[in-house]
C-alpha atoms as a PDB file:
ATOM      1  CA  MET A   1     -20.340 -12.462 -33.726  1.00  0.00           C
ATOM      2  CA  THR A   2     -21.463 -11.895 -29.775  1.00  0.00           C
ATOM      3  CA  SER A   3     -20.915  -7.948 -28.893  1.00  0.00           C
ATOM      4  CA  LEU A   4     -20.293  -7.975 -25.027  1.00  0.00           C
ATOM      5  CA  LYS A   5     -20.092  -4.492 -23.273  1.00  0.00           C
ATOM      6  CA  VAL A   6     -16.722  -3.655 -21.489  1.00  0.00           C
ATOM      7  CA  LYS A   7     -16.900  -2.390 -18.240  1.00  0.00           C
ATOM      8  CA  ALA A   8     -14.629   1.016 -18.562  1.00  0.00           C
ATOM      9  CA  ILE A   9     -13.571   0.640 -15.210  1.00  0.00           C
ATOM     10  CA  PRO A  10     -13.617  -3.185 -14.341  1.00  0.00           C
ATOM     11  CA  ASP A  11     -14.623  -4.986 -11.084  1.00  0.00           C
ATOM     12  CA  GLY A  12     -11.939  -4.656  -8.114  1.00  0.00           C
ATOM     13  CA  MET A  13     -10.590  -1.329  -9.652  1.00  0.00           C
ATOM     14  CA  HIS A  14     -10.957   1.959  -8.293  1.00  0.00           C
ATOM     15  CA  SER A  15     -10.737   5.699  -9.749  1.00  0.00           C
ATOM     16  CA  ILE A  16      -6.828   5.545  -8.478  1.00  0.00           C
ATOM     17  CA  THR A  17      -4.971   2.656  -8.020  1.00  0.00           C
ATOM     18  CA  PRO A  18      -1.031   2.686  -7.140  1.00  0.00           C
ATOM     19  CA  HIS A  19       0.792   0.747  -9.478  1.00  0.00           C
ATOM     20  CA  ILE A  20       4.535   0.247  -7.820  1.00  0.00           C
ATOM     21  CA  ILE A  21       7.827  -0.861  -9.294  1.00  0.00           C
ATOM     22  CA  CYS A  22       9.752  -3.273  -6.825  1.00  0.00           C
ATOM     23  CA  ALA A  23      13.230  -4.646  -6.693  1.00  0.00           C
ATOM     24  CA  GLY A  24      12.258  -8.577  -6.191  1.00  0.00           C
ATOM     25  CA  ALA A  25       8.463  -8.039  -7.477  1.00  0.00           C
ATOM     26  CA  SER A  26       7.528 -11.659  -6.675  1.00  0.00           C
ATOM     27  CA  ASP A  27       8.962 -11.603  -3.625  1.00  0.00           C
ATOM     28  CA  ALA A  28       6.645  -8.180  -2.725  1.00  0.00           C
ATOM     29  CA  ILE A  29       3.573 -10.293  -3.500  1.00  0.00           C
ATOM     30  CA  GLU A  30       4.724 -13.073  -0.601  1.00  0.00           C
ATOM     31  CA  PHE A  31       5.448 -10.268   1.317  1.00  0.00           C
ATOM     32  CA  TYR A  32       2.372  -8.801   0.727  1.00  0.00           C
ATOM     33  CA  LYS A  33       0.045 -11.968   1.253  1.00  0.00           C
ATOM     34  CA  LYS A  34       1.816 -12.108   4.720  1.00  0.00           C
ATOM     35  CA  ALA A  35       1.989  -8.534   6.013  1.00  0.00           C
ATOM     36  CA  PHE A  36      -1.767  -7.452   4.509  1.00  0.00           C
ATOM     37  CA  ASN A  37      -3.862 -10.288   3.251  1.00  0.00           C
ATOM     38  CA  ALA A  38      -3.237  -9.551  -0.121  1.00  0.00           C
ATOM     39  CA  ILE A  39      -4.798 -11.746  -2.994  1.00  0.00           C
ATOM     40  CA  GLU A  40      -3.036 -12.749  -5.829  1.00  0.00           C
ATOM     41  CA  VAL A  41      -5.450 -11.578  -8.869  1.00  0.00           C
ATOM     42  CA  MET A  42      -2.799 -12.204 -11.869  1.00  0.00           C
ATOM     43  CA  ARG A  43       0.960 -12.078 -12.939  1.00  0.00           C
ATOM     44  CA  LEU A  44       2.667 -11.654 -16.307  1.00  0.00           C
ATOM     45  CA  PRO A  45       6.545 -12.831 -16.127  1.00  0.00           C
ATOM     46  CA  GLY A  46       8.326 -11.732 -18.746  1.00  0.00           C
ATOM     47  CA  PRO A  47      10.876 -13.894 -21.022  1.00  0.00           C
ATOM     48  CA  ASP A  48      13.270 -13.724 -18.129  1.00  0.00           C
ATOM     49  CA  GLY A  49      11.213 -14.417 -15.644  1.00  0.00           C
ATOM     50  CA  LYS A  50      10.871 -11.137 -13.802  1.00  0.00           C
ATOM     51  CA  LEU A  51       7.155 -10.027 -13.638  1.00  0.00           C
ATOM     52  CA  MET A  52       6.305  -7.531 -15.966  1.00  0.00           C
ATOM     53  CA  HIS A  53       3.188  -6.924 -14.300  1.00  0.00           C
ATOM     54  CA  ALA A  54       1.306  -8.037 -11.607  1.00  0.00           C
ATOM     55  CA  CYS A  55      -2.178  -7.154  -9.523  1.00  0.00           C
ATOM     56  CA  VAL A  56      -2.974  -8.244  -5.861  1.00  0.00           C
ATOM     57  CA  GLN A  57      -6.196  -7.364  -3.973  1.00  0.00           C
ATOM     58  CA  ILE A  58      -5.901  -5.847  -0.030  1.00  0.00           C
ATOM     59  CA  GLY A  59      -9.212  -5.220   1.433  1.00  0.00           C
ATOM     60  CA  ASP A  60     -11.895  -3.578  -1.277  1.00  0.00           C
ATOM     61  CA  SER A  61      -8.453  -2.492  -3.668  1.00  0.00           C
ATOM     62  CA  GLN A  62      -5.949  -3.620  -6.046  1.00  0.00           C
ATOM     63  CA  LEU A  63      -2.127  -2.841  -5.954  1.00  0.00           C
ATOM     64  CA  MET A  64      -0.700  -3.007  -9.536  1.00  0.00           C
ATOM     65  CA  LEU A  65       3.233  -4.173  -9.146  1.00  0.00           C
ATOM     66  CA  ALA A  66       5.939  -4.341 -11.973  1.00  0.00           C
ATOM     67  CA  GLU A  67      10.209  -5.858 -11.189  1.00  0.00           C
ATOM     68  CA  GLU A  68      12.458  -2.877 -11.186  1.00  0.00           C
ATOM     69  CA  ASN A  69      13.800  -2.288 -14.904  1.00  0.00           C
ATOM     70  CA  PRO A  70      16.662  -0.026 -15.550  1.00  0.00           C
ATOM     71  CA  GLN A  71      15.757  -0.189 -19.501  1.00  0.00           C
ATOM     72  CA  TRP A  72      12.207   0.983 -19.005  1.00  0.00           C
ATOM     73  CA  GLY A  73      13.550   3.850 -16.550  1.00  0.00           C
ATOM     74  CA  ALA A  74      11.283   1.733 -13.573  1.00  0.00           C
ATOM     75  CA  PHE A  75      13.246   2.704 -10.192  1.00  0.00           C
ATOM     76  CA  GLY A  76      12.070   1.155  -7.041  1.00  0.00           C
ATOM     77  CA  PRO A  77      12.709   3.020  -4.033  1.00  0.00           C
ATOM     78  CA  LYS A  78      15.951   1.578  -2.580  1.00  0.00           C
ATOM     79  CA  THR A  79      17.655   2.206  -5.884  1.00  0.00           C
ATOM     80  CA  LEU A  80      16.398   5.623  -5.707  1.00  0.00           C
ATOM     81  CA  LYS A  81      16.919   5.956  -2.446  1.00  0.00           C
ATOM     82  CA  GLY A  82      13.568   6.879  -0.754  1.00  0.00           C
ATOM     83  CA  SER A  83       9.981   7.627  -2.350  1.00  0.00           C
ATOM     84  CA  PRO A  84       7.992  10.734  -1.467  1.00  0.00           C
ATOM     85  CA  ILE A  85       5.009   8.014  -1.930  1.00  0.00           C
ATOM     86  CA  THR A  86       3.098   6.531   1.134  1.00  0.00           C
ATOM     87  CA  ILE A  87       0.415   3.882   0.321  1.00  0.00           C
ATOM     88  CA  HIS A  88      -2.083   4.466   3.007  1.00  0.00           C
ATOM     89  CA  LEU A  89      -4.096   1.497   4.188  1.00  0.00           C
ATOM     90  CA  GLN A  90      -7.583   2.084   6.007  1.00  0.00           C
ATOM     91  CA  ILE A  91      -8.488  -1.369   7.474  1.00  0.00           C
ATOM     92  CA  GLU A  92     -10.665  -2.419  10.478  1.00  0.00           C
ATOM     93  CA  ASN A  93      -7.851  -3.326  12.696  1.00  0.00           C
ATOM     94  CA  ALA A  94      -4.925  -1.050  12.570  1.00  0.00           C
ATOM     95  CA  ASP A  95      -2.984  -2.254  15.811  1.00  0.00           C
ATOM     96  CA  GLU A  96      -3.718  -5.893  14.392  1.00  0.00           C
ATOM     97  CA  THR A  97      -2.052  -4.958  10.722  1.00  0.00           C
ATOM     98  CA  MET A  98       0.875  -3.086  11.984  1.00  0.00           C
ATOM     99  CA  ALA A  99       1.490  -6.330  14.364  1.00  0.00           C
ATOM    100  CA  GLN A 100       1.371  -8.130  10.887  1.00  0.00           C
ATOM    101  CA  ALA A 101       3.201  -6.570   8.458  1.00  0.00           C
ATOM    102  CA  VAL A 102       6.317  -6.252  11.405  1.00  0.00           C
ATOM    103  CA  ALA A 103       6.076  -9.994  12.076  1.00  0.00           C
ATOM    104  CA  ALA A 104       6.459 -10.532   7.954  1.00  0.00           C
ATOM    105  CA  GLY A 105       9.408  -8.005   7.684  1.00  0.00           C
ATOM    106  CA  ALA A 106       8.160  -4.412   7.753  1.00  0.00           C
ATOM    107  CA  LYS A 107       9.842  -1.915   9.929  1.00  0.00           C
ATOM    108  CA  ILE A 108       8.072   0.313  11.816  1.00  0.00           C
ATOM    109  CA  THR A 109       8.738   3.982  10.767  1.00  0.00           C
ATOM    110  CA  MET A 110       5.927   5.758  12.733  1.00  0.00           C
ATOM    111  CA  PRO A 111       4.390   4.271  16.184  1.00  0.00           C
ATOM    112  CA  ILE A 112       0.656   3.218  15.712  1.00  0.00           C
ATOM    113  CA  ALA A 113      -1.487   6.091  17.848  1.00  0.00           C
ATOM    114  CA  ASP A 114      -4.235   7.703  18.065  1.00  0.00           C
ATOM    115  CA  MET A 115      -3.775  10.729  15.834  1.00  0.00           C
ATOM    116  CA  PHE A 116      -5.944  14.361  16.519  1.00  0.00           C
ATOM    117  CA  TRP A 117      -7.996  13.443  13.324  1.00  0.00           C
ATOM    118  CA  GLY A 118      -9.679  10.022  14.792  1.00  0.00           C
ATOM    119  CA  ASP A 119      -7.582   7.382  13.658  1.00  0.00           C
ATOM    120  CA  ARG A 120      -5.354   5.359  15.041  1.00  0.00           C
ATOM    121  CA  TYR A 121      -2.691   5.616  12.840  1.00  0.00           C
ATOM    122  CA  GLY A 122       1.219   4.845  12.194  1.00  0.00           C
ATOM    123  CA  GLN A 123       3.248   4.003   9.207  1.00  0.00           C
ATOM    124  CA  VAL A 124       5.891   0.717   8.106  1.00  0.00           C
ATOM    125  CA  GLU A 125       8.115   0.416   5.675  1.00  0.00           C
ATOM    126  CA  ASP A 126       8.064  -2.973   3.397  1.00  0.00           C
ATOM    127  CA  PRO A 127      11.475  -4.903   2.866  1.00  0.00           C
ATOM    128  CA  PHE A 128      11.065  -3.417  -0.455  1.00  0.00           C
ATOM    129  CA  GLY A 129      11.063   0.250   0.138  1.00  0.00           C
ATOM    130  CA  HIS A 130       7.786   1.300   0.054  1.00  0.00           C
ATOM    131  CA  ARG A 131       6.155   3.268   3.087  1.00  0.00           C
ATOM    132  CA  TRP A 132       2.356   1.890   4.297  1.00  0.00           C
ATOM    133  CA  SER A 133       0.443   4.065   6.042  1.00  0.00           C
ATOM    134  CA  ILE A 134      -2.085   2.309   8.511  1.00  0.00           C
ATOM    135  CA  ALA A 135      -4.981   3.495   9.995  1.00  0.00           C
ATOM    136  CA  THR A 136      -8.530   2.482  11.504  1.00  0.00           C
ATOM    137  CA  HIS A 137     -10.962   5.471  12.146  1.00  0.00           C
ATOM    138  CA  THR A 138     -11.737   5.661  15.529  1.00  0.00           C
ATOM    139  CA  ARG A 139     -13.551   8.888  16.016  1.00  0.00           C
ATOM    140  CA  ASP A 140     -15.654  11.560  14.495  1.00  0.00           C
ATOM    141  CA  VAL A 141     -14.113  14.768  14.259  1.00  0.00           C
ATOM    142  CA  THR A 142     -14.738  18.270  13.228  1.00  0.00           C
ATOM    143  CA  PRO A 143     -12.619  20.721  11.655  1.00  0.00           C
ATOM    144  CA  GLU A 144     -12.732  22.790  14.445  1.00  0.00           C
ATOM    145  CA  GLU A 145     -11.892  20.303  17.016  1.00  0.00           C
ATOM    146  CA  MET A 146      -8.437  19.215  14.749  1.00  0.00           C
ATOM    147  CA  GLN A 147      -7.504  22.600  14.942  1.00  0.00           C
ATOM    148  CA  ALA A 148      -7.583  23.016  18.473  1.00  0.00           C
ATOM    149  CA  ASP A 149      -5.922  19.837  19.136  1.00  0.00           C
ATOM    150  CA  MET A 150      -3.299  20.064  16.853  1.00  0.00           C
ATOM    151  CA  ALA A 151      -2.732  23.759  18.282  1.00  0.00           C
ATOM    152  CA  LYS A 152      -2.400  21.710  21.570  1.00  0.00           C
ATOM    153  CA  MET A 153       0.534  19.887  19.797  1.00  0.00           C
ATOM    154  CA  GLY A 154       2.573  23.136  18.745  1.00  0.00           C
ATOM    155  CA  CYS A 155       1.693  22.654  15.101  1.00  0.00           C
END
């Protein structure tokens, strides 16, 4: 019998990986492909055909998702009427990605703009109720510069 060493953290995984619930998880996968160039890694349909578990790769990170299932206490943000969670997407071109997400069906909740912390940043809500922040780092800013710029904004 061959003994293979199993990696505690498989390739493509990071220490923290979002695992989201979607009403219409299969449709969510297709949306993430169009909006964020996601690559489907795997899907595990249940006996009823709904997704019990799936995983997509976006950039260098993975996103796990499952179908909403009330009997498991698994509810998506639309059923819950919102979510306190925002998934942050740090990418090369925030403007391009924001436009791509909107073209795929996302709703802008914060228009993209240059921010005091040095990012070009905006937010969208996907058709499944999940909020995404989209950012490209454009300049390095010291903590003192951030504080000064925040004060100018009245924060």
